[in-house]
Amino acid sequence: MTPPDAWTIAAVIAFLALLASLRLSVPALEGSRLAGFIAHPALLLPLVLAVPMTVGLMMTGAVPVAPLSARDMVMADYGYWAGIAALITVATAELWLLWTPSMVARRFARPESREALKGLPILNLAFGAGFLALVWNAWS
């Protein structure tokens, strides 16, 4: 294992943001106090920059769509921890493209309108997967 460096901090921050995203993405974790402690909503703040940046880098072909390929590419240039940070960031961006927005919309919707949003995860998955497929085909 390589010694910690600045990329180690980036990987830890990315991992905490991934945990916060998973907390929003899994409805069963809604009332969990442990999940609320480990994955506080303030940990979503790095995603304000990380997700649009990652999607932009994917669209330009600078970062592969596949998280493992992104890890390998970044690791070759910047080291082990940079590769881990890239893997986590790409996985988090894809989670936000494919699933999390629909879960957030359903969670914070009024109880009387939750039934109307039942098909939203399928739409989110379809549009997110379509976008990722377009980006993948454009650069592969």
N, C-alpha and C. Protein backbone atom coordinates (compact mmCIF):
# COMPACT_ATOMS: atom_id res chain seq x y z
N MET A 1 0.85 -1.18 0.00
CA MET A 1 0.00 0.00 0.00
C MET A 1 0.89 1.24 0.00
N THR A 2 0.50 2.21 -0.76
CA THR A 2 1.29 3.43 -0.84
C THR A 2 1.01 4.31 0.37
N PRO A 3 1.96 5.17 0.72
CA PRO A 3 1.74 6.04 1.88
C PRO A 3 0.67 7.09 1.58
N PRO A 4 0.00 7.57 2.62
CA PRO A 4 -1.04 8.60 2.42
C PRO A 4 -0.44 9.89 1.86
N ASP A 5 -1.23 10.57 1.06
CA ASP A 5 -0.85 11.86 0.52
C ASP A 5 -2.12 12.70 0.38
N ALA A 6 -2.06 13.78 -0.38
CA ALA A 6 -3.24 14.64 -0.54
C ALA A 6 -4.39 13.90 -1.21
N TRP A 7 -4.06 12.95 -2.08
CA TRP A 7 -5.11 12.18 -2.75
C TRP A 7 -5.84 11.26 -1.78
N THR A 8 -5.17 10.91 -0.68
CA THR A 8 -5.83 10.09 0.34
C THR A 8 -6.99 10.87 0.94
N ILE A 9 -6.77 12.15 1.21
CA ILE A 9 -7.83 13.00 1.75
C ILE A 9 -8.96 13.11 0.74
N ALA A 10 -8.62 13.28 -0.53
CA ALA A 10 -9.65 13.35 -1.58
C ALA A 10 -10.45 12.06 -1.65
N ALA A 11 -9.78 10.92 -1.51
CA ALA A 11 -10.48 9.63 -1.55
C ALA A 11 -11.41 9.48 -0.36
N VAL A 12 -10.98 9.91 0.82
CA VAL A 12 -11.83 9.82 2.01
C VAL A 12 -13.05 10.73 1.86
N ILE A 13 -12.84 11.95 1.38
CA ILE A 13 -13.97 12.87 1.17
C ILE A 13 -14.93 12.30 0.13
N ALA A 14 -14.39 11.73 -0.94
CA ALA A 14 -15.25 11.11 -1.96
C ALA A 14 -16.02 9.94 -1.39
N PHE A 15 -15.38 9.14 -0.53
CA PHE A 15 -16.06 8.00 0.09
C PHE A 15 -17.18 8.46 1.01
N LEU A 16 -16.95 9.50 1.79
CA LEU A 16 -18.00 10.02 2.67
C LEU A 16 -19.17 10.59 1.86
N ALA A 17 -18.86 11.24 0.74
CA ALA A 17 -19.92 11.74 -0.13
C ALA A 17 -20.70 10.58 -0.76
N LEU A 18 -20.01 9.49 -1.09
CA LEU A 18 -20.69 8.30 -1.60
C LEU A 18 -21.63 7.72 -0.54
N LEU A 19 -21.18 7.66 0.71
CA LEU A 19 -22.04 7.17 1.79
C LEU A 19 -23.28 8.05 1.94
N ALA A 20 -23.10 9.37 1.87
CA ALA A 20 -24.24 10.28 1.97
C ALA A 20 -25.19 10.08 0.79
N SER A 21 -24.64 9.82 -0.39
CA SER A 21 -25.49 9.57 -1.56
C SER A 21 -26.25 8.26 -1.41
N LEU A 22 -25.58 7.24 -0.89
CA LEU A 22 -26.26 5.96 -0.68
C LEU A 22 -27.37 6.09 0.35
N ARG A 23 -27.16 6.93 1.35
CA ARG A 23 -28.20 7.17 2.35
C ARG A 23 -29.46 7.75 1.70
N LEU A 24 -29.27 8.64 0.73
CA LEU A 24 -30.42 9.20 0.02
C LEU A 24 -31.01 8.22 -0.98
N SER A 25 -30.20 7.30 -1.47
CA SER A 25 -30.63 6.40 -2.54
C SER A 25 -31.36 5.17 -2.05
N VAL A 26 -31.18 4.81 -0.79
CA VAL A 26 -31.79 3.59 -0.25
C VAL A 26 -32.92 4.01 0.70
N PRO A 27 -34.17 3.78 0.31
CA PRO A 27 -35.29 4.23 1.15
C PRO A 27 -35.30 3.61 2.55
N ALA A 28 -34.76 2.42 2.72
CA ALA A 28 -34.76 1.76 4.03
C ALA A 28 -33.89 2.49 5.05
N LEU A 29 -32.97 3.32 4.60
CA LEU A 29 -32.10 4.05 5.52
C LEU A 29 -32.67 5.39 5.96
N GLU A 30 -33.93 5.65 5.62
CA GLU A 30 -34.52 6.96 5.87
C GLU A 30 -34.51 7.35 7.34
N GLY A 31 -34.89 6.47 8.24
CA GLY A 31 -34.97 6.83 9.65
C GLY A 31 -33.80 6.35 10.49
N SER A 32 -32.79 5.80 9.88
CA SER A 32 -31.67 5.23 10.62
C SER A 32 -30.80 6.32 11.23
N ARG A 33 -30.60 6.25 12.54
CA ARG A 33 -29.77 7.24 13.22
C ARG A 33 -28.29 7.03 12.89
N LEU A 34 -27.89 5.76 12.77
CA LEU A 34 -26.49 5.47 12.45
C LEU A 34 -26.15 5.99 11.06
N ALA A 35 -27.05 5.76 10.11
CA ALA A 35 -26.82 6.26 8.75
C ALA A 35 -26.79 7.78 8.75
N GLY A 36 -27.62 8.41 9.57
CA GLY A 36 -27.62 9.86 9.66
C GLY A 36 -26.34 10.41 10.25
N PHE A 37 -25.73 9.64 11.16
CA PHE A 37 -24.48 10.07 11.78
C PHE A 37 -23.30 9.87 10.83
N ILE A 38 -23.24 8.71 10.20
CA ILE A 38 -22.11 8.39 9.31
C ILE A 38 -22.18 9.19 8.02
N ALA A 39 -23.38 9.35 7.50
CA ALA A 39 -23.56 10.00 6.19
C ALA A 39 -24.41 11.25 6.34
N HIS A 40 -23.87 12.22 7.03
CA HIS A 40 -24.58 13.49 7.26
C HIS A 40 -24.81 14.20 5.92
N PRO A 41 -25.95 14.88 5.77
CA PRO A 41 -26.22 15.58 4.50
C PRO A 41 -25.17 16.63 4.13
N ALA A 42 -24.45 17.16 5.10
CA ALA A 42 -23.40 18.13 4.78
C ALA A 42 -22.29 17.50 3.94
N LEU A 43 -22.19 16.18 4.00
CA LEU A 43 -21.18 15.49 3.21
C LEU A 43 -21.51 15.48 1.72
N LEU A 44 -22.70 15.96 1.37
CA LEU A 44 -23.07 16.06 -0.05
C LEU A 44 -22.48 17.30 -0.71
N LEU A 45 -21.97 18.23 0.08
CA LEU A 45 -21.44 19.48 -0.49
C LEU A 45 -20.33 19.27 -1.52
N PRO A 46 -19.39 18.35 -1.33
CA PRO A 46 -18.37 18.16 -2.38
C PRO A 46 -18.97 17.73 -3.72
N LEU A 47 -20.16 17.14 -3.68
CA LEU A 47 -20.78 16.68 -4.92
C LEU A 47 -21.23 17.83 -5.81
N VAL A 48 -21.41 19.02 -5.23
CA VAL A 48 -21.80 20.18 -6.02
C VAL A 48 -20.75 20.44 -7.11
N LEU A 49 -19.50 20.20 -6.79
CA LEU A 49 -18.44 20.36 -7.78
C LEU A 49 -18.07 19.04 -8.46
N ALA A 50 -18.04 17.97 -7.69
CA ALA A 50 -17.50 16.70 -8.20
C ALA A 50 -18.38 16.07 -9.28
N VAL A 51 -19.69 16.06 -9.09
CA VAL A 51 -20.55 15.38 -10.07
C VAL A 51 -20.56 16.10 -11.41
N PRO A 52 -20.81 17.42 -11.47
CA PRO A 52 -20.76 18.07 -12.79
C PRO A 52 -19.38 17.99 -13.44
N MET A 53 -18.31 18.09 -12.63
CA MET A 53 -16.97 17.98 -13.19
C MET A 53 -16.74 16.59 -13.77
N THR A 54 -17.15 15.57 -13.05
CA THR A 54 -16.95 14.19 -13.52
C THR A 54 -17.76 13.92 -14.78
N VAL A 55 -19.00 14.37 -14.80
CA VAL A 55 -19.83 14.18 -16.00
C VAL A 55 -19.23 14.94 -17.18
N GLY A 56 -18.74 16.14 -16.95
CA GLY A 56 -18.09 16.89 -18.01
C GLY A 56 -16.84 16.20 -18.53
N LEU A 57 -16.04 15.66 -17.61
CA LEU A 57 -14.85 14.93 -18.04
C LEU A 57 -15.21 13.66 -18.80
N MET A 58 -16.32 13.02 -18.41
CA MET A 58 -16.77 11.85 -19.16
C MET A 58 -17.23 12.25 -20.56
N MET A 59 -17.92 13.39 -20.66
CA MET A 59 -18.43 13.83 -21.96
C MET A 59 -17.29 14.22 -22.91
N THR A 60 -16.20 14.72 -22.38
CA THR A 60 -15.08 15.10 -23.24
C THR A 60 -14.14 13.93 -23.51
N GLY A 61 -14.36 12.81 -22.83
CA GLY A 61 -13.52 11.64 -23.03
C GLY A 61 -12.27 11.64 -22.18
N ALA A 62 -12.14 12.61 -21.26
CA ALA A 62 -10.95 12.67 -20.41
C ALA A 62 -10.97 11.61 -19.32
N VAL A 63 -12.17 11.17 -18.92
CA VAL A 63 -12.32 10.12 -17.91
C VAL A 63 -13.27 9.08 -18.47
N PRO A 64 -12.92 7.80 -18.39
CA PRO A 64 -13.82 6.75 -18.89
C PRO A 64 -15.11 6.66 -18.07
N VAL A 65 -16.15 6.14 -18.69
CA VAL A 65 -17.44 5.98 -18.02
C VAL A 65 -17.38 4.86 -16.99
N ALA A 66 -16.61 3.83 -17.26
CA ALA A 66 -16.50 2.70 -16.33
C ALA A 66 -15.60 3.08 -15.16
N PRO A 67 -16.09 2.93 -13.92
CA PRO A 67 -15.29 3.33 -12.75
C PRO A 67 -13.93 2.62 -12.66
N LEU A 68 -13.87 1.34 -12.99
CA LEU A 68 -12.59 0.63 -12.90
C LEU A 68 -11.60 1.13 -13.95
N SER A 69 -12.10 1.46 -15.12
CA SER A 69 -11.22 2.02 -16.16
C SER A 69 -10.72 3.40 -15.76
N ALA A 70 -11.61 4.19 -15.13
CA ALA A 70 -11.20 5.51 -14.64
C ALA A 70 -10.13 5.37 -13.57
N ARG A 71 -10.30 4.40 -12.68
CA ARG A 71 -9.30 4.16 -11.64
C ARG A 71 -7.95 3.82 -12.26
N ASP A 72 -7.95 2.91 -13.21
CA ASP A 72 -6.69 2.49 -13.83
C ASP A 72 -6.00 3.64 -14.56
N MET A 73 -6.78 4.45 -15.27
CA MET A 73 -6.21 5.55 -16.03
C MET A 73 -5.60 6.60 -15.10
N VAL A 74 -6.36 6.99 -14.08
CA VAL A 74 -5.88 8.03 -13.16
C VAL A 74 -4.73 7.49 -12.30
N MET A 75 -4.82 6.23 -11.90
CA MET A 75 -3.76 5.63 -11.09
C MET A 75 -2.43 5.60 -11.83
N ALA A 76 -2.48 5.37 -13.13
CA ALA A 76 -1.24 5.33 -13.92
C ALA A 76 -0.54 6.68 -13.94
N ASP A 77 -1.31 7.77 -13.92
CA ASP A 77 -0.72 9.11 -14.00
C ASP A 77 -0.43 9.74 -12.64
N TYR A 78 -1.31 9.50 -11.65
CA TYR A 78 -1.22 10.26 -10.40
C TYR A 78 -1.01 9.42 -9.15
N GLY A 79 -1.10 8.10 -9.25
CA GLY A 79 -0.85 7.27 -8.09
C GLY A 79 -2.08 6.54 -7.59
N TYR A 80 -1.83 5.69 -6.59
CA TYR A 80 -2.86 4.79 -6.06
C TYR A 80 -4.08 5.54 -5.52
N TRP A 81 -3.86 6.48 -4.62
CA TRP A 81 -4.99 7.15 -3.97
C TRP A 81 -5.77 8.03 -4.94
N ALA A 82 -5.11 8.60 -5.93
CA ALA A 82 -5.83 9.36 -6.95
C ALA A 82 -6.74 8.44 -7.75
N GLY A 83 -6.27 7.23 -8.03
CA GLY A 83 -7.10 6.25 -8.73
C GLY A 83 -8.31 5.84 -7.91
N ILE A 84 -8.12 5.65 -6.60
CA ILE A 84 -9.24 5.30 -5.73
C ILE A 84 -10.25 6.45 -5.68
N ALA A 85 -9.75 7.69 -5.58
CA ALA A 85 -10.65 8.85 -5.58
C ALA A 85 -11.43 8.93 -6.89
N ALA A 86 -10.78 8.64 -8.01
CA ALA A 86 -11.46 8.65 -9.31
C ALA A 86 -12.53 7.57 -9.38
N LEU A 87 -12.21 6.38 -8.91
CA LEU A 87 -13.18 5.28 -8.91
C LEU A 87 -14.43 5.66 -8.11
N ILE A 88 -14.23 6.20 -6.92
CA ILE A 88 -15.36 6.56 -6.06
C ILE A 88 -16.15 7.71 -6.68
N THR A 89 -15.46 8.69 -7.24
CA THR A 89 -16.14 9.85 -7.81
C THR A 89 -16.95 9.47 -9.04
N VAL A 90 -16.41 8.63 -9.91
CA VAL A 90 -17.16 8.19 -11.09
C VAL A 90 -18.36 7.35 -10.68
N ALA A 91 -18.17 6.47 -9.70
CA ALA A 91 -19.29 5.65 -9.22
C ALA A 91 -20.38 6.52 -8.60
N THR A 92 -19.99 7.55 -7.86
CA THR A 92 -20.97 8.46 -7.25
C THR A 92 -21.71 9.25 -8.33
N ALA A 93 -20.99 9.74 -9.32
CA ALA A 93 -21.63 10.48 -10.41
C ALA A 93 -22.63 9.60 -11.14
N GLU A 94 -22.27 8.35 -11.38
CA GLU A 94 -23.19 7.45 -12.06
C GLU A 94 -24.39 7.11 -11.19
N LEU A 95 -24.19 7.01 -9.88
CA LEU A 95 -25.31 6.80 -8.97
C LEU A 95 -26.29 7.96 -9.06
N TRP A 96 -25.75 9.18 -9.12
CA TRP A 96 -26.62 10.36 -9.24
C TRP A 96 -27.29 10.43 -10.62
N LEU A 97 -26.64 9.95 -11.65
CA LEU A 97 -27.27 9.94 -12.98
C LEU A 97 -28.36 8.89 -13.08
N LEU A 98 -28.18 7.76 -12.42
CA LEU A 98 -29.07 6.62 -12.63
C LEU A 98 -30.19 6.47 -11.60
N TRP A 99 -29.98 6.87 -10.35
CA TRP A 99 -30.92 6.45 -9.33
C TRP A 99 -31.29 7.51 -8.29
N THR A 100 -30.34 8.21 -7.74
CA THR A 100 -30.57 9.05 -6.57
C THR A 100 -31.61 10.15 -6.77
N PRO A 101 -31.66 10.89 -7.88
CA PRO A 101 -32.66 11.95 -7.99
C PRO A 101 -34.10 11.45 -7.84
N SER A 102 -34.40 10.29 -8.38
CA SER A 102 -35.77 9.77 -8.24
C SER A 102 -36.07 9.40 -6.80
N MET A 103 -35.09 8.88 -6.08
CA MET A 103 -35.31 8.52 -4.68
C MET A 103 -35.48 9.76 -3.82
N VAL A 104 -34.71 10.81 -4.12
CA VAL A 104 -34.85 12.06 -3.38
C VAL A 104 -36.22 12.67 -3.64
N ALA A 105 -36.66 12.66 -4.89
CA ALA A 105 -37.98 13.20 -5.23
C ALA A 105 -39.09 12.43 -4.52
N ARG A 106 -38.98 11.13 -4.48
CA ARG A 106 -40.00 10.32 -3.81
C ARG A 106 -39.96 10.51 -2.30
N ARG A 107 -38.77 10.64 -1.74
CA ARG A 107 -38.65 10.78 -0.29
C ARG A 107 -39.24 12.09 0.21
N PHE A 108 -39.00 13.17 -0.51
CA PHE A 108 -39.42 14.48 -0.04
C PHE A 108 -40.74 14.95 -0.64
N ALA A 109 -41.41 14.09 -1.38
CA ALA A 109 -42.73 14.43 -1.92
C ALA A 109 -43.78 14.32 -0.82
N ARG A 110 -44.84 15.08 -0.98
CA ARG A 110 -45.95 14.97 -0.02
C ARG A 110 -46.55 13.58 -0.11
N PRO A 111 -47.07 13.06 0.99
CA PRO A 111 -47.61 11.69 0.99
C PRO A 111 -48.67 11.45 -0.08
N GLU A 112 -49.50 12.44 -0.37
CA GLU A 112 -50.55 12.23 -1.36
C GLU A 112 -50.02 12.17 -2.79
N SER A 113 -48.83 12.66 -3.04
CA SER A 113 -48.28 12.62 -4.40
C SER A 113 -47.22 11.53 -4.58
N ARG A 114 -46.93 10.76 -3.55
CA ARG A 114 -45.92 9.70 -3.68
C ARG A 114 -46.36 8.61 -4.65
N GLU A 115 -47.63 8.33 -4.69
CA GLU A 115 -48.13 7.30 -5.61
C GLU A 115 -47.90 7.71 -7.06
N ALA A 116 -48.04 9.00 -7.35
CA ALA A 116 -47.84 9.49 -8.72
C ALA A 116 -46.37 9.38 -9.15
N LEU A 117 -45.46 9.34 -8.19
CA LEU A 117 -44.03 9.28 -8.50
C LEU A 117 -43.49 7.85 -8.50
N LYS A 118 -44.39 6.88 -8.50
CA LYS A 118 -43.98 5.48 -8.42
C LYS A 118 -43.10 5.05 -9.60
N GLY A 119 -43.36 5.55 -10.78
CA GLY A 119 -42.60 5.17 -11.97
C GLY A 119 -41.36 6.01 -12.20
N LEU A 120 -41.12 6.98 -11.34
CA LEU A 120 -39.98 7.87 -11.52
C LEU A 120 -38.62 7.15 -11.51
N PRO A 121 -38.39 6.16 -10.65
CA PRO A 121 -37.09 5.46 -10.72
C PRO A 121 -36.82 4.80 -12.07
N ILE A 122 -37.86 4.28 -12.70
CA ILE A 122 -37.67 3.64 -14.01
C ILE A 122 -37.27 4.69 -15.05
N LEU A 123 -37.93 5.85 -15.01
CA LEU A 123 -37.57 6.93 -15.94
C LEU A 123 -36.15 7.43 -15.67
N ASN A 124 -35.82 7.59 -14.40
CA ASN A 124 -34.48 8.04 -14.04
C ASN A 124 -33.43 7.06 -14.55
N LEU A 125 -33.69 5.78 -14.35
CA LEU A 125 -32.76 4.75 -14.81
C LEU A 125 -32.64 4.74 -16.33
N ALA A 126 -33.77 4.89 -17.02
CA ALA A 126 -33.76 4.87 -18.48
C ALA A 126 -33.00 6.06 -19.06
N PHE A 127 -33.30 7.26 -18.56
CA PHE A 127 -32.62 8.45 -19.09
C PHE A 127 -31.15 8.48 -18.70
N GLY A 128 -30.84 8.09 -17.46
CA GLY A 128 -29.44 8.05 -17.03
C GLY A 128 -28.63 7.04 -17.80
N ALA A 129 -29.19 5.84 -18.00
CA ALA A 129 -28.50 4.81 -18.76
C ALA A 129 -28.35 5.21 -20.22
N GLY A 130 -29.37 5.86 -20.77
CA GLY A 130 -29.27 6.35 -22.15
C GLY A 130 -28.17 7.38 -22.30
N PHE A 131 -28.08 8.30 -21.35
CA PHE A 131 -27.02 9.30 -21.39
C PHE A 131 -25.64 8.65 -21.29
N LEU A 132 -25.48 7.73 -20.35
CA LEU A 132 -24.19 7.05 -20.20
C LEU A 132 -23.84 6.23 -21.44
N ALA A 133 -24.85 5.62 -22.07
CA ALA A 133 -24.60 4.85 -23.29
C ALA A 133 -24.14 5.77 -24.42
N LEU A 134 -24.76 6.95 -24.54
CA LEU A 134 -24.32 7.91 -25.56
C LEU A 134 -22.88 8.35 -25.32
N VAL A 135 -22.55 8.65 -24.07
CA VAL A 135 -21.19 9.08 -23.76
C VAL A 135 -20.21 7.94 -24.02
N TRP A 136 -20.58 6.74 -23.61
CA TRP A 136 -19.71 5.58 -23.80
C TRP A 136 -19.45 5.33 -25.29
N ASN A 137 -20.52 5.38 -26.10
CA ASN A 137 -20.37 5.14 -27.54
C ASN A 137 -19.59 6.25 -28.23
N ALA A 138 -19.71 7.46 -27.72
CA ALA A 138 -19.00 8.57 -28.35
C ALA A 138 -17.49 8.46 -28.16
N TRP A 139 -17.04 7.84 -27.08
CA TRP A 139 -15.61 7.82 -26.78
C TRP A 139 -14.99 6.44 -26.75
N SER A 140 -15.73 5.42 -27.17
CA SER A 140 -15.11 4.09 -27.16
C SER A 140 -14.82 3.62 -28.58
